[in-house]
Amino acid sequence: MSARDFLPEEPRLSALRDAADRCRGCELYRQATQTVFGAGSAGARMVFVGEQPGDEKDAIGRPFVGPAGRLLDEALASAGVARGDIYITNAVKHFKWKPRGKRRLHQKPNAAEVQACKPWLLGELAAIRPEVLVLLGATAAQSLLGPSFRVLRSRGVLFPSPYAPHTMATVHPSSLLRITDPVERRAARAVFLREMELAAGALDRSSDAAHR
């Protein structure tokens, strides 16, 4: 079984979101608080894809609302992109975790879980048809580009894909938060910011071409 068994007949984004609330396509729904679907407009021209919702996102029901989301917001604002102009989602819609005392610790979803959830992501992309797609981290990138894709080898490069004319893979912003050395952290954030500026530039060029 996969998410495909729960897809609605109507491919609109709102119908997909409603249907995803009832998804039982893998076992992750059993321990998650709720389905955390993507957030943003069906008219968004830029889509960001992360790995999965974390503890805070699982409780609130919206993606990228924690520290990593705030870092992404800052980078986008610096690049001239408003959060309201993008759609943001995850490759996996349920929080996978293991208990440690009273805490719920993030666990990386496995390939079968990513594959089971992939129909939701494909449905989102088909409904939105973004001009720019940014894949944040290995799970997001490999979910769409295949298991052989290596983010660190190919990050920060724009290329056409079946999902968007301009596609880019880079690190997940949460990885920047784990860098303890302040000099390394500033350097890593500067690289991430340049990548967001590159993605924003692709969006601007696409807009210019449409108005010629």
Protein backbone atom coordinates (compact mmCIF):
# COMPACT_ATOMS: atom_id res chain seq x y z
CA MET A 1 0.00 0.00 0.00
CA SER A 2 1.08 3.59 -0.63
CA ALA A 3 -0.37 7.07 -0.77
CA ARG A 4 -1.56 6.23 -4.29
CA ASP A 5 -4.45 4.29 -2.73
CA PHE A 6 -5.69 7.49 -1.06
CA LEU A 7 -5.30 10.00 -3.88
CA PRO A 8 -8.48 11.91 -4.76
CA GLU A 9 -10.00 11.84 -8.23
CA GLU A 10 -9.75 15.62 -8.36
CA PRO A 11 -6.07 16.63 -8.66
CA ARG A 12 -6.53 20.11 -7.19
CA LEU A 13 -4.21 21.05 -4.33
CA SER A 14 -7.07 21.51 -1.85
CA ALA A 15 -8.43 18.04 -2.66
CA LEU A 16 -4.98 16.52 -2.23
CA ARG A 17 -4.59 18.23 1.15
CA ASP A 18 -7.95 16.95 2.39
CA ALA A 19 -7.26 13.40 1.18
CA ALA A 20 -3.79 13.33 2.77
CA ASP A 21 -5.37 13.74 6.20
CA ARG A 22 -6.74 10.21 5.80
CA CYS A 23 -3.58 8.64 4.38
CA ARG A 24 -2.58 5.23 5.72
CA GLY A 25 -0.09 4.50 2.96
CA CYS A 26 2.69 3.57 5.38
CA GLU A 27 3.03 2.93 9.10
CA LEU A 28 4.29 6.41 10.01
CA TYR A 29 0.75 7.73 10.52
CA ARG A 30 0.40 5.54 13.61
CA GLN A 31 2.82 7.55 15.76
CA ALA A 32 2.41 10.99 14.16
CA THR A 33 0.05 13.57 15.57
CA GLN A 34 -1.29 14.47 12.13
CA THR A 35 -0.49 14.70 8.45
CA VAL A 36 1.64 17.77 7.75
CA PHE A 37 0.85 18.71 4.17
CA GLY A 38 2.49 21.50 2.19
CA ALA A 39 1.73 25.16 2.80
CA GLY A 40 1.28 27.91 0.26
CA SER A 41 -0.69 28.85 -2.82
CA ALA A 42 -1.46 26.68 -5.81
CA GLY A 43 -0.28 29.67 -7.82
CA ALA A 44 3.21 29.67 -6.27
CA ARG A 45 6.00 29.88 -8.84
CA MET A 46 8.67 28.48 -6.52
CA VAL A 47 8.43 25.24 -4.51
CA PHE A 48 10.72 24.07 -1.71
CA VAL A 49 10.83 20.41 -0.63
CA GLY A 50 12.35 19.21 2.64
CA GLU A 51 12.60 15.80 4.27
CA GLN A 52 9.75 15.42 6.78
CA PRO A 53 8.02 17.46 9.49
CA GLY A 54 9.82 17.62 12.82
CA ASP A 55 8.45 17.56 16.34
CA GLU A 56 7.21 21.16 16.38
CA LYS A 57 5.78 20.92 12.86
CA ASP A 58 3.98 17.69 13.76
CA ALA A 59 2.26 19.42 16.67
CA ILE A 60 1.34 22.58 14.74
CA GLY A 61 0.48 20.91 11.44
CA ARG A 62 2.53 23.21 9.18
CA PRO A 63 5.94 22.59 7.57
CA PHE A 64 9.07 24.62 8.32
CA VAL A 65 7.84 26.57 11.35
CA GLY A 66 10.80 25.81 13.65
CA PRO A 67 14.41 27.09 13.72
CA ALA A 68 15.23 25.66 10.28
CA GLY A 69 12.16 27.36 8.86
CA ARG A 70 13.16 30.67 10.37
CA LEU A 71 16.65 30.35 8.89
CA LEU A 72 15.09 29.64 5.50
CA ASP A 73 12.80 32.64 5.89
CA GLU A 74 15.80 34.87 6.60
CA ALA A 75 17.68 33.59 3.56
CA LEU A 76 14.65 34.05 1.31
CA ALA A 77 13.98 37.55 2.62
CA SER A 78 17.61 38.46 1.98
CA ALA A 79 17.26 37.08 -1.57
CA GLY A 80 14.09 39.12 -2.12
CA VAL A 81 11.63 36.22 -1.96
CA ALA A 82 8.60 36.50 0.33
CA ARG A 83 7.48 33.33 2.15
CA GLY A 84 3.98 34.05 0.88
CA ASP A 85 5.20 33.70 -2.72
CA ILE A 86 6.39 30.13 -2.34
CA TYR A 87 4.95 26.71 -1.63
CA ILE A 88 6.83 24.59 0.86
CA THR A 89 6.38 20.91 1.61
CA ASN A 90 8.20 17.71 2.57
CA ALA A 91 8.93 14.43 0.82
CA VAL A 92 7.31 12.61 3.77
CA LYS A 93 4.17 14.01 5.40
CA HIS A 94 4.30 12.27 8.80
CA PHE A 95 6.85 12.76 11.58
CA LYS A 96 9.06 9.72 12.15
CA TRP A 97 10.55 9.65 15.62
CA LYS A 98 11.85 7.54 18.47
CA PRO A 99 11.33 8.30 22.17
CA ARG A 100 14.14 9.40 24.45
CA GLY A 101 12.73 10.12 27.86
CA LYS A 102 10.01 12.71 27.31
CA ARG A 103 11.49 13.85 24.01
CA ARG A 104 10.66 12.69 20.50
CA LEU A 105 13.85 12.40 18.46
CA HIS A 106 13.81 12.73 14.68
CA GLN A 107 14.51 9.58 12.67
CA LYS A 108 15.32 9.67 8.98
CA PRO A 109 12.59 8.07 6.87
CA ASN A 110 13.72 5.02 4.95
CA ALA A 111 13.48 4.52 1.19
CA ALA A 112 10.24 2.54 1.41
CA GLU A 113 8.56 5.28 3.46
CA VAL A 114 9.73 7.98 1.05
CA GLN A 115 8.47 5.95 -1.89
CA ALA A 116 5.11 5.29 -0.20
CA CYS A 117 4.60 9.02 0.30
CA LYS A 118 5.89 10.11 -3.11
CA PRO A 119 2.42 10.27 -4.78
CA TRP A 120 1.50 13.20 -2.52
CA LEU A 121 4.62 15.11 -3.54
CA LEU A 122 4.09 14.35 -7.22
CA GLY A 123 0.48 15.48 -6.86
CA GLU A 124 1.57 18.77 -5.31
CA LEU A 125 4.08 19.44 -8.07
CA ALA A 126 1.58 18.54 -10.81
CA ALA A 127 -1.03 20.85 -9.30
CA ILE A 128 1.36 23.79 -8.88
CA ARG A 129 3.71 23.33 -11.88
CA PRO A 130 6.46 25.49 -10.39
CA GLU A 131 8.99 27.41 -12.42
CA VAL A 132 11.68 26.91 -9.76
CA LEU A 133 12.04 23.84 -7.53
CA VAL A 134 14.51 23.77 -4.64
CA LEU A 135 15.23 20.41 -2.97
CA LEU A 136 16.52 20.76 0.58
CA GLY A 137 18.65 17.81 1.65
CA ALA A 138 19.35 14.30 0.41
CA THR A 139 15.96 12.79 1.20
CA ALA A 140 14.10 15.43 -0.80
CA ALA A 141 16.54 15.31 -3.70
CA GLN A 142 16.69 11.53 -3.93
CA SER A 143 12.92 11.19 -3.65
CA LEU A 144 12.59 12.92 -7.03
CA LEU A 145 15.98 12.53 -8.71
CA GLY A 146 16.83 8.98 -7.69
CA PRO A 147 19.01 7.29 -5.04
CA SER A 148 22.26 7.94 -6.90
CA PHE A 149 21.89 11.73 -6.70
CA ARG A 150 24.41 13.32 -4.33
CA VAL A 151 23.53 16.74 -2.97
CA LEU A 152 27.05 17.70 -1.88
CA ARG A 153 28.39 16.86 -5.33
CA SER A 154 25.71 18.77 -7.25
CA ARG A 155 24.41 21.45 -4.87
CA GLY A 156 23.77 24.99 -5.99
CA VAL A 157 23.43 24.15 -9.70
CA LEU A 158 20.27 24.96 -11.67
CA PHE A 159 19.13 22.35 -14.17
CA PRO A 160 15.89 21.36 -15.91
CA SER A 161 13.98 18.39 -14.51
CA PRO A 162 10.62 16.73 -15.19
CA TYR A 163 9.24 18.76 -12.27
CA ALA A 164 10.36 22.32 -13.05
CA PRO A 165 12.34 24.20 -15.70
CA HIS A 166 14.76 25.35 -13.00
CA THR A 167 15.63 22.76 -10.33
CA MET A 168 18.27 23.01 -7.63
CA ALA A 169 19.39 20.80 -4.76
CA THR A 170 21.14 22.05 -1.66
CA VAL A 171 21.51 21.16 2.01
CA HIS A 172 18.61 21.25 4.42
CA PRO A 173 18.78 24.42 6.56
CA SER A 174 18.71 22.28 9.72
CA SER A 175 22.22 21.10 8.84
CA LEU A 176 23.47 24.68 9.16
CA LEU A 177 22.06 24.87 12.68
CA ARG A 178 24.16 21.89 13.73
CA ILE A 179 27.47 23.61 12.87
CA THR A 180 29.01 24.63 16.19
CA ASP A 181 32.05 26.55 14.99
CA PRO A 182 30.94 30.18 14.44
CA VAL A 183 33.30 30.80 11.53
CA GLU A 184 32.22 27.63 9.74
CA ARG A 185 28.58 28.42 10.46
CA ARG A 186 28.83 31.92 8.95
CA ALA A 187 30.58 30.54 5.87
CA ALA A 188 27.98 27.80 5.41
CA ARG A 189 25.13 30.28 5.76
CA ALA A 190 26.76 32.57 3.20
CA VAL A 191 26.88 29.70 0.69
CA PHE A 192 23.24 28.86 1.39
CA LEU A 193 22.24 32.50 0.91
CA ARG A 194 24.03 32.63 -2.46
CA GLU A 195 22.07 29.55 -3.52
CA MET A 196 18.78 31.19 -2.55
CA GLU A 197 19.81 34.27 -4.52
CA LEU A 198 20.56 32.03 -7.52
CA ALA A 199 17.11 30.42 -7.26
CA ALA A 200 15.48 33.84 -6.94
CA GLY A 201 17.41 35.01 -10.00
CA ALA A 202 16.05 32.09 -12.02
CA LEU A 203 12.55 33.11 -10.99
CA ASP A 204 13.20 36.70 -12.08
CA ARG A 205 14.56 35.58 -15.45
CA SER A 206 11.55 33.33 -15.97
CA SER A 207 9.26 36.26 -15.22
CA ASP A 208 11.14 38.52 -17.63
CA ALA A 209 10.93 35.92 -20.40
CA ALA A 210 7.17 35.56 -19.88
CA HIS A 211 6.67 39.31 -20.38
CA ARG A 212 8.69 39.66 -23.57
